[in-house]
Amino acid sequence: MEEQFDQLFDRPVLELLRNYWWAAAIVGVLFLLLLWAVVERIARLFRRRRNVPRDEERRLEENLGEYPPPPGPPGSRRLLVEGWPARVRLVVIAPVGKESRVEVSQVESALDQIFRGLGEIVRRDHPRIRLWPPQLSSHGFAPTFHRLTHKPEPGGEPSRWVLIAGQTPSRPRPLLLGLALWADEANTLGQLTLEPAQWTNVLTTKIVDQPGS
């Protein structure tokens, strides 16, 4: 083995390796430490990038158990979700793709585009309004809204909270809309994901007589 090793290198090089092997070992260790530091820094950058979406999602979370009750009695025009009377407690709106952002002052008129009178109901119910950043995936909006909007009851149990999300009709402008509704009675509607043409089938309004009228 030593003869084969001698054939690969000149005599001076062999003498240096034999006399200064400890220096070569130190250089090797330093190289490994430097390589480990570079790999660790790259891994830390990737972990930081993965944490950015999680931090953004935390800012979008809503805990419905901490919401106050609806203010005052409902008006004469009642909102119905699958026939259940309900109040609007949360409105989440986001533009689709690269569309321009929606301003708070535009929310009521945007809701009236779904069906006439919805903006009036929102104005009376004083819900919380959240403007989400543009969503690249219209199909991913509803699952994200349902995941980040937390009801106090365990999943599957009757609740007065009803969550609705989906893309609105395309005219005059498609939007991504999420609603948290507080029904008059507990029910099992749970979470509803709607296509653009389904909003007016699931949400309707009716005029009711007010006490003393």
N, C-alpha and C. Protein backbone atom coordinates (compact mmCIF):
# COMPACT_ATOMS: atom_id res chain seq x y z
N MET A 1 0.83 -1.21 0.00
CA MET A 1 0.00 0.00 0.00
C MET A 1 0.87 1.26 0.00
N GLU A 2 1.94 1.24 0.81
CA GLU A 2 2.80 2.42 0.89
C GLU A 2 3.52 2.66 -0.42
N GLU A 3 3.90 1.54 -1.13
CA GLU A 3 4.56 1.70 -2.42
C GLU A 3 3.62 2.34 -3.44
N GLN A 4 2.33 1.90 -3.46
CA GLN A 4 1.36 2.51 -4.38
C GLN A 4 1.15 3.98 -4.05
N PHE A 5 1.12 4.31 -2.77
CA PHE A 5 0.94 5.71 -2.36
C PHE A 5 2.13 6.55 -2.80
N ASP A 6 3.36 5.94 -2.69
CA ASP A 6 4.56 6.66 -3.10
C ASP A 6 4.56 6.95 -4.59
N GLN A 7 3.94 6.05 -5.39
CA GLN A 7 3.92 6.25 -6.82
C GLN A 7 3.01 7.40 -7.24
N LEU A 8 2.03 7.74 -6.42
CA LEU A 8 1.08 8.81 -6.78
C LEU A 8 1.66 10.19 -6.54
N PHE A 9 2.60 10.34 -5.66
CA PHE A 9 3.13 11.65 -5.30
C PHE A 9 4.65 11.65 -5.39
N ASP A 10 5.20 12.85 -5.60
CA ASP A 10 6.65 13.01 -5.58
C ASP A 10 7.17 12.91 -4.16
N ARG A 11 8.44 12.66 -4.01
CA ARG A 11 9.05 12.53 -2.69
C ARG A 11 8.86 13.78 -1.82
N PRO A 12 9.07 14.98 -2.35
CA PRO A 12 8.90 16.17 -1.48
C PRO A 12 7.48 16.30 -0.94
N VAL A 13 6.50 15.98 -1.78
CA VAL A 13 5.12 16.08 -1.33
C VAL A 13 4.84 15.05 -0.24
N LEU A 14 5.35 13.86 -0.40
CA LEU A 14 5.16 12.82 0.61
C LEU A 14 5.80 13.21 1.93
N GLU A 15 6.97 13.82 1.85
CA GLU A 15 7.63 14.23 3.07
C GLU A 15 6.83 15.31 3.79
N LEU A 16 6.27 16.25 3.04
CA LEU A 16 5.44 17.29 3.65
C LEU A 16 4.22 16.70 4.33
N LEU A 17 3.57 15.74 3.65
CA LEU A 17 2.37 15.12 4.22
C LEU A 17 2.70 14.35 5.50
N ARG A 18 3.83 13.69 5.52
CA ARG A 18 4.21 12.92 6.69
C ARG A 18 4.62 13.82 7.86
N ASN A 19 5.26 14.94 7.53
CA ASN A 19 5.75 15.82 8.59
C ASN A 19 4.68 16.80 9.09
N TYR A 20 3.75 17.15 8.21
CA TYR A 20 2.74 18.16 8.59
C TYR A 20 1.32 17.63 8.43
N TRP A 21 1.11 16.37 8.76
CA TRP A 21 -0.25 15.79 8.65
C TRP A 21 -1.24 16.52 9.56
N TRP A 22 -0.73 16.99 10.71
CA TRP A 22 -1.63 17.68 11.65
C TRP A 22 -2.18 18.97 11.06
N ALA A 23 -1.33 19.67 10.23
CA ALA A 23 -1.80 20.89 9.59
C ALA A 23 -2.91 20.59 8.57
N ALA A 24 -2.73 19.47 7.80
CA ALA A 24 -3.76 19.08 6.84
C ALA A 24 -5.05 18.73 7.56
N ALA A 25 -4.93 18.10 8.74
CA ALA A 25 -6.14 17.75 9.50
C ALA A 25 -6.87 18.99 9.98
N ILE A 26 -6.10 20.00 10.43
CA ILE A 26 -6.73 21.24 10.88
C ILE A 26 -7.46 21.93 9.73
N VAL A 27 -6.78 21.99 8.55
CA VAL A 27 -7.41 22.60 7.38
C VAL A 27 -8.69 21.87 7.01
N GLY A 28 -8.66 20.53 7.10
CA GLY A 28 -9.86 19.75 6.79
C GLY A 28 -11.00 20.05 7.75
N VAL A 29 -10.68 20.15 9.03
CA VAL A 29 -11.72 20.47 10.02
C VAL A 29 -12.29 21.86 9.78
N LEU A 30 -11.42 22.84 9.52
CA LEU A 30 -11.90 24.20 9.25
C LEU A 30 -12.80 24.24 8.02
N PHE A 31 -12.43 23.46 6.99
CA PHE A 31 -13.26 23.41 5.78
C PHE A 31 -14.64 22.83 6.09
N LEU A 32 -14.68 21.78 6.89
CA LEU A 32 -15.97 21.17 7.25
C LEU A 32 -16.82 22.13 8.07
N LEU A 33 -16.19 22.88 9.00
CA LEU A 33 -16.93 23.85 9.78
C LEU A 33 -17.49 24.96 8.90
N LEU A 34 -16.69 25.43 7.94
CA LEU A 34 -17.16 26.47 7.03
C LEU A 34 -18.32 25.96 6.18
N LEU A 35 -18.20 24.72 5.69
CA LEU A 35 -19.27 24.14 4.89
C LEU A 35 -20.55 24.00 5.71
N TRP A 36 -20.42 23.57 6.97
CA TRP A 36 -21.60 23.43 7.85
C TRP A 36 -22.26 24.78 8.09
N ALA A 37 -21.45 25.86 8.27
CA ALA A 37 -22.01 27.19 8.51
C ALA A 37 -22.78 27.68 7.29
N VAL A 38 -22.24 27.43 6.09
CA VAL A 38 -22.93 27.86 4.87
C VAL A 38 -24.26 27.12 4.71
N VAL A 39 -24.25 25.80 4.93
CA VAL A 39 -25.47 25.01 4.80
C VAL A 39 -26.51 25.44 5.83
N GLU A 40 -26.06 25.70 7.07
CA GLU A 40 -26.99 26.13 8.12
C GLU A 40 -27.61 27.48 7.79
N ARG A 41 -26.84 28.40 7.22
CA ARG A 41 -27.38 29.72 6.87
C ARG A 41 -28.43 29.60 5.76
N ILE A 42 -28.15 28.76 4.77
CA ILE A 42 -29.11 28.56 3.69
C ILE A 42 -30.39 27.94 4.22
N ALA A 43 -30.26 26.94 5.11
CA ALA A 43 -31.45 26.31 5.69
C ALA A 43 -32.26 27.30 6.51
N ARG A 44 -31.57 28.21 7.24
CA ARG A 44 -32.28 29.21 8.04
C ARG A 44 -33.07 30.17 7.16
N LEU A 45 -32.50 30.53 6.00
CA LEU A 45 -33.22 31.41 5.07
C LEU A 45 -34.48 30.75 4.54
N PHE A 46 -34.40 29.45 4.23
CA PHE A 46 -35.57 28.74 3.74
C PHE A 46 -36.64 28.62 4.83
N ARG A 47 -36.22 28.38 6.08
CA ARG A 47 -37.19 28.29 7.17
C ARG A 47 -37.87 29.63 7.38
N ARG A 48 -37.10 30.73 7.25
CA ARG A 48 -37.68 32.06 7.44
C ARG A 48 -38.72 32.35 6.37
N ARG A 49 -38.45 31.95 5.14
CA ARG A 49 -39.40 32.17 4.05
C ARG A 49 -40.67 31.36 4.26
N ARG A 50 -40.53 30.14 4.80
CA ARG A 50 -41.72 29.33 5.05
C ARG A 50 -42.55 29.93 6.17
N ASN A 51 -41.92 30.62 7.11
CA ASN A 51 -42.65 31.19 8.24
C ASN A 51 -43.42 32.45 7.86
N VAL A 52 -43.04 33.12 6.76
CA VAL A 52 -43.72 34.36 6.38
C VAL A 52 -45.20 34.13 6.11
N PRO A 53 -45.59 33.12 5.27
CA PRO A 53 -47.03 32.90 5.08
C PRO A 53 -47.75 32.55 6.37
N ARG A 54 -47.11 31.81 7.28
CA ARG A 54 -47.76 31.47 8.55
C ARG A 54 -48.01 32.72 9.37
N ASP A 55 -47.04 33.64 9.41
CA ASP A 55 -47.23 34.88 10.15
C ASP A 55 -48.35 35.71 9.54
N GLU A 56 -48.42 35.74 8.22
CA GLU A 56 -49.48 36.49 7.56
C GLU A 56 -50.84 35.88 7.87
N GLU A 57 -50.92 34.54 7.89
CA GLU A 57 -52.19 33.88 8.18
C GLU A 57 -52.63 34.16 9.60
N ARG A 58 -51.69 34.22 10.54
CA ARG A 58 -52.07 34.51 11.93
C ARG A 58 -52.76 35.86 12.03
N ARG A 59 -52.34 36.82 11.24
CA ARG A 59 -52.96 38.15 11.28
C ARG A 59 -54.37 38.13 10.69
N LEU A 60 -54.70 37.08 9.93
CA LEU A 60 -56.02 36.99 9.32
C LEU A 60 -56.99 36.15 10.15
N GLU A 61 -56.52 35.56 11.23
CA GLU A 61 -57.39 34.69 12.03
C GLU A 61 -58.46 35.51 12.76
N GLU A 62 -59.63 34.90 12.90
CA GLU A 62 -60.75 35.51 13.62
C GLU A 62 -61.29 34.49 14.63
N ASN A 63 -61.45 34.93 15.87
CA ASN A 63 -62.02 34.08 16.92
C ASN A 63 -63.44 34.57 17.19
N LEU A 64 -64.41 33.86 16.63
CA LEU A 64 -65.80 34.31 16.74
C LEU A 64 -66.31 34.25 18.17
N GLY A 65 -65.70 33.44 19.01
CA GLY A 65 -66.13 33.36 20.40
C GLY A 65 -65.89 34.66 21.16
N GLU A 66 -65.04 35.53 20.64
CA GLU A 66 -64.75 36.82 21.28
C GLU A 66 -65.58 37.96 20.70
N TYR A 67 -66.43 37.67 19.72
CA TYR A 67 -67.22 38.72 19.08
C TYR A 67 -68.37 39.16 19.99
N PRO A 68 -68.69 40.44 19.99
CA PRO A 68 -69.85 40.91 20.76
C PRO A 68 -71.14 40.51 20.07
N PRO A 69 -72.26 40.52 20.78
CA PRO A 69 -73.56 40.21 20.15
C PRO A 69 -73.94 41.29 19.15
N PRO A 70 -74.86 40.99 18.25
CA PRO A 70 -75.30 42.01 17.29
C PRO A 70 -75.87 43.22 18.00
N PRO A 71 -75.67 44.41 17.46
CA PRO A 71 -76.15 45.63 18.13
C PRO A 71 -77.64 45.84 17.89
N GLY A 72 -78.41 45.87 18.95
CA GLY A 72 -79.83 46.19 18.84
C GLY A 72 -80.63 45.14 18.10
N PRO A 73 -81.93 45.38 17.95
CA PRO A 73 -82.79 44.42 17.25
C PRO A 73 -82.55 44.49 15.75
N PRO A 74 -82.89 43.42 15.01
CA PRO A 74 -82.75 43.46 13.55
C PRO A 74 -83.80 44.40 12.95
N GLY A 75 -83.54 44.85 11.77
CA GLY A 75 -84.49 45.72 11.09
C GLY A 75 -85.63 44.93 10.46
N SER A 76 -86.41 45.61 9.67
CA SER A 76 -87.56 44.96 9.04
C SER A 76 -87.13 44.02 7.92
N ARG A 77 -86.00 44.29 7.30
CA ARG A 77 -85.49 43.39 6.26
C ARG A 77 -84.53 42.39 6.91
N ARG A 78 -84.91 41.13 6.93
CA ARG A 78 -84.10 40.10 7.56
C ARG A 78 -83.33 39.30 6.52
N LEU A 79 -82.09 38.98 6.87
CA LEU A 79 -81.27 38.12 6.03
C LEU A 79 -81.53 36.66 6.42
N LEU A 80 -81.70 35.81 5.42
CA LEU A 80 -81.93 34.39 5.65
C LEU A 80 -80.80 33.60 4.98
N VAL A 81 -80.26 32.64 5.72
CA VAL A 81 -79.28 31.72 5.15
C VAL A 81 -79.90 30.33 5.18
N GLU A 82 -80.16 29.81 4.00
CA GLU A 82 -80.89 28.53 3.88
C GLU A 82 -82.18 28.56 4.68
N GLY A 83 -82.83 29.72 4.75
CA GLY A 83 -84.09 29.86 5.45
C GLY A 83 -83.97 30.23 6.91
N TRP A 84 -82.76 30.25 7.46
CA TRP A 84 -82.55 30.59 8.87
C TRP A 84 -82.28 32.09 8.99
N PRO A 85 -83.05 32.84 9.78
CA PRO A 85 -82.75 34.26 10.00
C PRO A 85 -81.39 34.42 10.69
N ALA A 86 -80.62 35.40 10.23
CA ALA A 86 -79.27 35.56 10.77
C ALA A 86 -78.84 37.01 10.67
N ARG A 87 -77.85 37.36 11.48
CA ARG A 87 -77.22 38.68 11.46
C ARG A 87 -75.79 38.53 10.94
N VAL A 88 -75.31 39.57 10.28
CA VAL A 88 -73.95 39.57 9.73
C VAL A 88 -72.99 40.08 10.80
N ARG A 89 -71.99 39.25 11.15
CA ARG A 89 -71.03 39.65 12.18
C ARG A 89 -69.62 39.84 11.64
N LEU A 90 -69.32 39.26 10.49
CA LEU A 90 -67.98 39.41 9.90
C LEU A 90 -68.11 39.39 8.38
N VAL A 91 -67.41 40.34 7.74
CA VAL A 91 -67.33 40.39 6.29
C VAL A 91 -65.85 40.41 5.91
N VAL A 92 -65.43 39.45 5.10
CA VAL A 92 -64.07 39.40 4.58
C VAL A 92 -64.15 39.52 3.06
N ILE A 93 -63.43 40.46 2.50
CA ILE A 93 -63.43 40.67 1.05
C ILE A 93 -61.99 40.72 0.55
N ALA A 94 -61.76 40.06 -0.58
CA ALA A 94 -60.44 40.11 -1.22
C ALA A 94 -60.62 40.17 -2.72
N PRO A 95 -59.76 40.91 -3.41
CA PRO A 95 -59.82 40.91 -4.88
C PRO A 95 -59.27 39.60 -5.44
N VAL A 96 -59.68 39.31 -6.67
CA VAL A 96 -59.22 38.09 -7.35
C VAL A 96 -57.97 38.43 -8.15
N GLY A 97 -56.92 37.62 -7.98
CA GLY A 97 -55.72 37.79 -8.78
C GLY A 97 -55.10 39.16 -8.61
N LYS A 98 -54.86 39.83 -9.74
CA LYS A 98 -54.18 41.14 -9.72
C LYS A 98 -55.15 42.31 -9.75
N GLU A 99 -56.43 42.03 -9.46
CA GLU A 99 -57.41 43.12 -9.39
C GLU A 99 -57.02 44.12 -8.30
N SER A 100 -57.46 45.35 -8.44
CA SER A 100 -57.14 46.37 -7.44
C SER A 100 -57.84 46.06 -6.12
N ARG A 101 -57.29 46.53 -5.04
CA ARG A 101 -57.83 46.28 -3.71
C ARG A 101 -59.19 46.94 -3.54
N VAL A 102 -59.97 46.40 -2.61
CA VAL A 102 -61.28 46.95 -2.29
C VAL A 102 -61.13 47.86 -1.09
N GLU A 103 -61.72 49.03 -1.14
CA GLU A 103 -61.70 49.95 -0.02
C GLU A 103 -62.91 49.70 0.88
N VAL A 104 -62.77 50.06 2.16
CA VAL A 104 -63.87 49.87 3.10
C VAL A 104 -65.12 50.59 2.63
N SER A 105 -64.95 51.76 2.04
CA SER A 105 -66.11 52.54 1.58
C SER A 105 -66.84 51.86 0.43
N GLN A 106 -66.22 50.87 -0.20
CA GLN A 106 -66.83 50.18 -1.34
C GLN A 106 -67.54 48.89 -0.94
N VAL A 107 -67.42 48.48 0.31
CA VAL A 107 -67.92 47.16 0.71
C VAL A 107 -69.43 47.06 0.55
N GLU A 108 -70.17 48.04 1.05
CA GLU A 108 -71.64 47.96 1.00
C GLU A 108 -72.14 47.89 -0.44
N SER A 109 -71.60 48.73 -1.30
CA SER A 109 -72.04 48.71 -2.70
C SER A 109 -71.64 47.40 -3.37
N ALA A 110 -70.47 46.86 -2.99
CA ALA A 110 -70.05 45.58 -3.56
C ALA A 110 -71.00 44.46 -3.14
N LEU A 111 -71.47 44.49 -1.89
CA LEU A 111 -72.42 43.47 -1.43
C LEU A 111 -73.78 43.62 -2.10
N ASP A 112 -74.16 44.84 -2.40
CA ASP A 112 -75.43 45.06 -3.11
C ASP A 112 -75.40 44.48 -4.51
N GLN A 113 -74.20 44.24 -5.05
CA GLN A 113 -74.11 43.62 -6.37
C GLN A 113 -74.49 42.15 -6.32
N ILE A 114 -74.36 41.54 -5.15
CA ILE A 114 -74.77 40.13 -5.01
C ILE A 114 -76.29 40.06 -5.06
N PHE A 115 -76.95 40.81 -4.20
CA PHE A 115 -78.38 41.05 -4.34
C PHE A 115 -78.75 42.31 -3.60
N ARG A 116 -79.74 42.98 -4.12
CA ARG A 116 -80.12 44.29 -3.61
C ARG A 116 -80.59 44.17 -2.16
N GLY A 117 -80.07 45.02 -1.29
CA GLY A 117 -80.46 45.03 0.11
C GLY A 117 -79.43 44.45 1.04
N LEU A 118 -78.47 43.68 0.51
CA LEU A 118 -77.45 43.09 1.39
C LEU A 118 -76.56 44.17 2.00
N GLY A 119 -76.22 45.18 1.24
CA GLY A 119 -75.42 46.28 1.77
C GLY A 119 -76.14 47.01 2.90
N GLU A 120 -77.45 47.18 2.76
CA GLU A 120 -78.23 47.83 3.82
C GLU A 120 -78.21 47.01 5.10
N ILE A 121 -78.32 45.69 4.96
CA ILE A 121 -78.29 44.81 6.13
C ILE A 121 -76.93 44.90 6.83
N VAL A 122 -75.87 44.91 6.06
CA VAL A 122 -74.52 45.01 6.63
C VAL A 122 -74.35 46.34 7.36
N ARG A 123 -74.86 47.41 6.77
CA ARG A 123 -74.76 48.72 7.41
C ARG A 123 -75.47 48.73 8.76
N ARG A 124 -76.60 48.04 8.86
CA ARG A 124 -77.37 48.03 10.10
C ARG A 124 -76.75 47.10 11.15
N ASP A 125 -76.18 45.96 10.69
CA ASP A 125 -75.65 44.98 11.63
C ASP A 125 -74.27 45.35 12.17
N HIS A 126 -73.59 46.30 11.55
CA HIS A 126 -72.26 46.75 12.00
C HIS A 126 -71.29 45.58 12.21
N PRO A 127 -71.06 44.75 11.21
CA PRO A 127 -70.10 43.66 11.38
C PRO A 127 -68.67 44.17 11.31
N ARG A 128 -67.74 43.32 11.71
CA ARG A 128 -66.34 43.62 11.47
C ARG A 128 -66.05 43.40 9.99
N ILE A 129 -65.30 44.31 9.41
CA ILE A 129 -64.95 44.21 7.99
C ILE A 129 -63.44 44.04 7.86
N ARG A 130 -63.05 42.99 7.19
CA ARG A 130 -61.64 42.69 6.99
C ARG A 130 -61.34 42.67 5.49
N LEU A 131 -60.32 43.41 5.10
CA LEU A 131 -59.89 43.45 3.71
C LEU A 131 -58.63 42.60 3.57
N TRP A 132 -58.76 41.48 2.90
CA TRP A 132 -57.61 40.59 2.70
C TRP A 132 -56.83 41.03 1.46
N PRO A 133 -55.56 40.67 1.40
CA PRO A 133 -54.77 40.99 0.21
C PRO A 133 -55.27 40.19 -0.99
N PRO A 134 -54.89 40.58 -2.21
CA PRO A 134 -55.32 39.83 -3.40
C PRO A 134 -54.96 38.35 -3.29
N GLN A 135 -55.89 37.51 -3.74
CA GLN A 135 -55.71 36.06 -3.67
C GLN A 135 -55.44 35.52 -5.07
N LEU A 136 -54.32 34.84 -5.23
CA LEU A 136 -53.97 34.30 -6.54
C LEU A 136 -54.86 33.12 -6.92
N SER A 137 -55.36 32.39 -5.92
CA SER A 137 -56.21 31.23 -6.18
C SER A 137 -57.62 31.51 -5.65
N SER A 138 -58.58 31.64 -6.56
CA SER A 138 -59.96 31.86 -6.12
C SER A 138 -60.52 30.62 -5.44
N HIS A 139 -60.07 29.43 -5.85
CA HIS A 139 -60.55 28.20 -5.23
C HIS A 139 -59.95 27.99 -3.84
N GLY A 140 -58.80 28.60 -3.58
CA GLY A 140 -58.18 28.43 -2.27
C GLY A 140 -58.70 29.38 -1.22
N PHE A 141 -59.47 30.41 -1.62
CA PHE A 141 -59.93 31.40 -0.67
C PHE A 141 -60.88 30.80 0.36
N ALA A 142 -61.91 30.08 -0.10
CA ALA A 142 -62.92 29.54 0.82
C ALA A 142 -62.31 28.60 1.87
N PRO A 143 -61.47 27.62 1.48
CA PRO A 143 -60.85 26.78 2.51
C PRO A 143 -60.02 27.58 3.50
N THR A 144 -59.32 28.62 3.02
CA THR A 144 -58.51 29.44 3.92
C THR A 144 -59.40 30.22 4.89
N PHE A 145 -60.48 30.80 4.38
CA PHE A 145 -61.41 31.53 5.25
C PHE A 145 -62.00 30.60 6.31
N HIS A 146 -62.43 29.42 5.93
CA HIS A 146 -63.02 28.48 6.89
C HIS A 146 -61.98 28.03 7.93
N ARG A 147 -60.74 27.89 7.50
CA ARG A 147 -59.69 27.42 8.41
C ARG A 147 -59.28 28.51 9.42
N LEU A 148 -59.32 29.76 9.00
CA LEU A 148 -58.84 30.85 9.86
C LEU A 148 -59.94 31.51 10.67
N THR A 149 -61.20 31.17 10.41
CA THR A 149 -62.32 31.73 11.16
C THR A 149 -62.82 30.68 12.13
N HIS A 150 -62.56 30.89 13.41
CA HIS A 150 -62.78 29.85 14.42
C HIS A 150 -64.09 30.06 15.16
N LYS A 151 -64.94 29.03 15.14
CA LYS A 151 -66.17 29.06 15.93
C LYS A 151 -65.88 28.51 17.32
N PRO A 152 -66.62 28.93 18.34
CA PRO A 152 -66.36 28.42 19.69
C PRO A 152 -66.77 26.96 19.87
N GLU A 153 -67.73 26.48 19.07
CA GLU A 153 -68.19 25.09 19.21
C GLU A 153 -67.27 24.14 18.44
N PRO A 154 -67.11 22.92 18.93
CA PRO A 154 -66.35 21.92 18.17
C PRO A 154 -67.03 21.63 16.83
N GLY A 155 -66.24 21.22 15.85
CA GLY A 155 -66.79 20.93 14.53
C GLY A 155 -67.84 19.84 14.58
N GLY A 156 -68.90 20.03 13.83
CA GLY A 156 -69.97 19.04 13.76
C GLY A 156 -71.09 19.25 14.75
N GLU A 157 -70.87 20.10 15.77
CA GLU A 157 -71.93 20.34 16.75
C GLU A 157 -72.82 21.51 16.30
N PRO A 158 -74.11 21.50 16.70
CA PRO A 158 -74.98 22.63 16.34
C PRO A 158 -74.40 23.95 16.84
N SER A 159 -74.56 24.99 16.03
CA SER A 159 -74.01 26.29 16.37
C SER A 159 -74.87 27.37 15.72
N ARG A 160 -74.88 28.52 16.34
CA ARG A 160 -75.56 29.66 15.73
C ARG A 160 -74.68 30.32 14.67
N TRP A 161 -73.41 29.95 14.64
CA TRP A 161 -72.51 30.52 13.64
C TRP A 161 -72.60 29.75 12.34
N VAL A 162 -72.71 30.48 11.23
CA VAL A 162 -72.70 29.90 9.89
C VAL A 162 -71.65 30.65 9.07
N LEU A 163 -70.73 29.90 8.47
CA LEU A 163 -69.66 30.49 7.67
C LEU A 163 -69.94 30.23 6.19
N ILE A 164 -69.83 31.29 5.39
CA ILE A 164 -70.07 31.20 3.95
C ILE A 164 -68.91 31.86 3.23
N ALA A 165 -68.41 31.22 2.19
CA ALA A 165 -67.29 31.81 1.45
C ALA A 165 -67.31 31.32 0.02
N GLY A 166 -66.77 32.16 -0.87
CA GLY A 166 -66.67 31.80 -2.27
C GLY A 166 -66.50 33.03 -3.13
N GLN A 167 -66.46 32.80 -4.43
CA GLN A 167 -66.34 33.91 -5.38
C GLN A 167 -67.73 34.42 -5.74
N THR A 168 -67.87 35.73 -5.80
CA THR A 168 -69.14 36.36 -6.12
C THR A 168 -69.33 36.38 -7.64
N PRO A 169 -70.55 36.71 -8.12
CA PRO A 169 -70.77 36.82 -9.57
C PRO A 169 -69.79 37.79 -10.22
N SER A 170 -69.51 37.56 -11.48
CA SER A 170 -68.44 38.30 -12.16
C SER A 170 -68.83 39.73 -12.54
N ARG A 171 -70.11 40.06 -12.53
CA ARG A 171 -70.52 41.41 -12.91
C ARG A 171 -70.99 42.18 -11.68
N PRO A 172 -70.53 43.42 -11.54
CA PRO A 172 -69.58 44.15 -12.42
C PRO A 172 -68.13 43.78 -12.17
N ARG A 173 -67.86 43.10 -11.07
CA ARG A 173 -66.48 42.74 -10.74
C ARG A 173 -66.49 41.53 -9.81
N PRO A 174 -65.78 40.46 -10.15
CA PRO A 174 -65.74 39.31 -9.25
C PRO A 174 -64.91 39.61 -8.00
N LEU A 175 -65.41 39.17 -6.86
CA LEU A 175 -64.70 39.33 -5.60
C LEU A 175 -64.71 38.01 -4.86
N LEU A 176 -63.83 37.89 -3.89
CA LEU A 176 -63.83 36.75 -2.98
C LEU A 176 -64.42 37.22 -1.66
N LEU A 177 -65.49 36.57 -1.24
CA LEU A 177 -66.27 37.04 -0.10
C LEU A 177 -66.42 35.94 0.94
N GLY A 178 -66.19 36.31 2.18
CA GLY A 178 -66.44 35.42 3.31
C GLY A 178 -67.33 36.10 4.33
N LEU A 179 -68.34 35.39 4.82
CA LEU A 179 -69.27 35.94 5.79
C LEU A 179 -69.36 35.01 6.99
N ALA A 180 -69.39 35.61 8.18
CA ALA A 180 -69.73 34.87 9.40
C ALA A 180 -71.06 35.40 9.88
N LEU A 181 -72.07 34.52 9.88
CA LEU A 181 -73.44 34.92 10.23
C LEU A 181 -73.83 34.33 11.57
N TRP A 182 -74.57 35.12 12.36
CA TRP A 182 -75.06 34.70 13.68
C TRP A 182 -76.56 34.44 13.55
N ALA A 183 -76.93 33.18 13.48
CA ALA A 183 -78.33 32.81 13.27
C ALA A 183 -79.13 32.99 14.55
N ASP A 184 -80.45 33.13 14.37
CA ASP A 184 -81.32 33.29 15.54
C ASP A 184 -81.35 32.03 16.40
N GLU A 185 -81.13 30.86 15.77
CA GLU A 185 -81.15 29.60 16.49
C GLU A 185 -79.97 28.75 16.05
N ALA A 186 -79.56 27.83 16.93
CA ALA A 186 -78.48 26.91 16.59
C ALA A 186 -78.93 26.00 15.45
N ASN A 187 -78.00 25.66 14.59
CA ASN A 187 -78.30 24.81 13.43
C ASN A 187 -77.04 24.03 13.06
N THR A 188 -77.15 23.24 12.02
CA THR A 188 -76.01 22.41 11.59
C THR A 188 -75.54 22.79 10.19
N LEU A 189 -75.79 24.03 9.78
CA LEU A 189 -75.32 24.46 8.46
C LEU A 189 -73.80 24.47 8.38
N GLY A 190 -73.16 24.89 9.46
CA GLY A 190 -71.69 24.83 9.53
C GLY A 190 -71.00 25.75 8.55
N GLN A 191 -70.24 25.16 7.62
CA GLN A 191 -69.45 25.92 6.65
C GLN A 191 -69.98 25.64 5.25
N LEU A 192 -70.22 26.71 4.51
CA LEU A 192 -70.74 26.60 3.15
C LEU A 192 -69.76 27.24 2.19
N THR A 193 -69.42 26.53 1.13
CA THR A 193 -68.57 27.06 0.07
C THR A 193 -69.41 27.20 -1.19
N LEU A 194 -69.48 28.42 -1.72
CA LEU A 194 -70.42 28.72 -2.79
C LEU A 194 -69.71 29.04 -4.10
N GLU A 195 -70.35 28.64 -5.20
CA GLU A 195 -69.97 29.08 -6.53
C GLU A 195 -70.66 30.42 -6.80
N PRO A 196 -70.20 31.18 -7.81
CA PRO A 196 -70.80 32.50 -8.07
C PRO A 196 -72.31 32.48 -8.23
N ALA A 197 -72.85 31.45 -8.86
CA ALA A 197 -74.29 31.42 -9.13
C ALA A 197 -75.11 30.96 -7.93
N GLN A 198 -74.46 30.56 -6.84
CA GLN A 198 -75.20 29.99 -5.70
C GLN A 198 -75.55 31.01 -4.62
N TRP A 199 -74.96 32.19 -4.66
CA TRP A 199 -75.17 33.14 -3.57
C TRP A 199 -76.63 33.50 -3.38
N THR A 200 -77.33 33.77 -4.47
CA THR A 200 -78.73 34.20 -4.33
C THR A 200 -79.66 33.03 -4.01
N ASN A 201 -79.17 31.81 -4.10
CA ASN A 201 -79.98 30.66 -3.68
C ASN A 201 -79.84 30.40 -2.18
N VAL A 202 -78.65 30.65 -1.67
CA VAL A 202 -78.38 30.38 -0.25
C VAL A 202 -78.78 31.57 0.62
N LEU A 203 -78.51 32.79 0.16
CA LEU A 203 -78.85 33.99 0.91
C LEU A 203 -80.06 34.67 0.28
N THR A 204 -81.04 34.94 1.10
CA THR A 204 -82.23 35.67 0.65
C THR A 204 -82.62 36.66 1.75
N THR A 205 -83.57 37.51 1.45
CA THR A 205 -84.08 38.44 2.45
C THR A 205 -85.61 38.36 2.48
N LYS A 206 -86.17 38.80 3.60
CA LYS A 206 -87.61 38.92 3.69
C LYS A 206 -87.95 40.10 4.57
N ILE A 207 -89.11 40.67 4.35
CA ILE A 207 -89.59 41.79 5.15
C ILE A 207 -90.48 41.23 6.27
N VAL A 208 -90.16 41.61 7.50
CA VAL A 208 -90.95 41.14 8.64
C VAL A 208 -91.56 42.35 9.35
N ASP A 209 -92.70 42.11 9.97
CA ASP A 209 -93.35 43.18 10.73
C ASP A 209 -92.59 43.44 12.02
N GLN A 210 -92.40 44.69 12.34
CA GLN A 210 -91.72 45.08 13.58
C GLN A 210 -92.73 45.13 14.72
N PRO A 211 -92.31 44.78 15.94
CA PRO A 211 -93.20 44.88 17.10
C PRO A 211 -93.74 46.30 17.25
N GLY A 212 -95.06 46.38 17.43
CA GLY A 212 -95.69 47.69 17.62
C GLY A 212 -96.04 48.40 16.36
N SER A 213 -95.72 47.75 15.17
CA SER A 213 -96.04 48.42 13.92
C SER A 213 -97.46 48.12 13.49
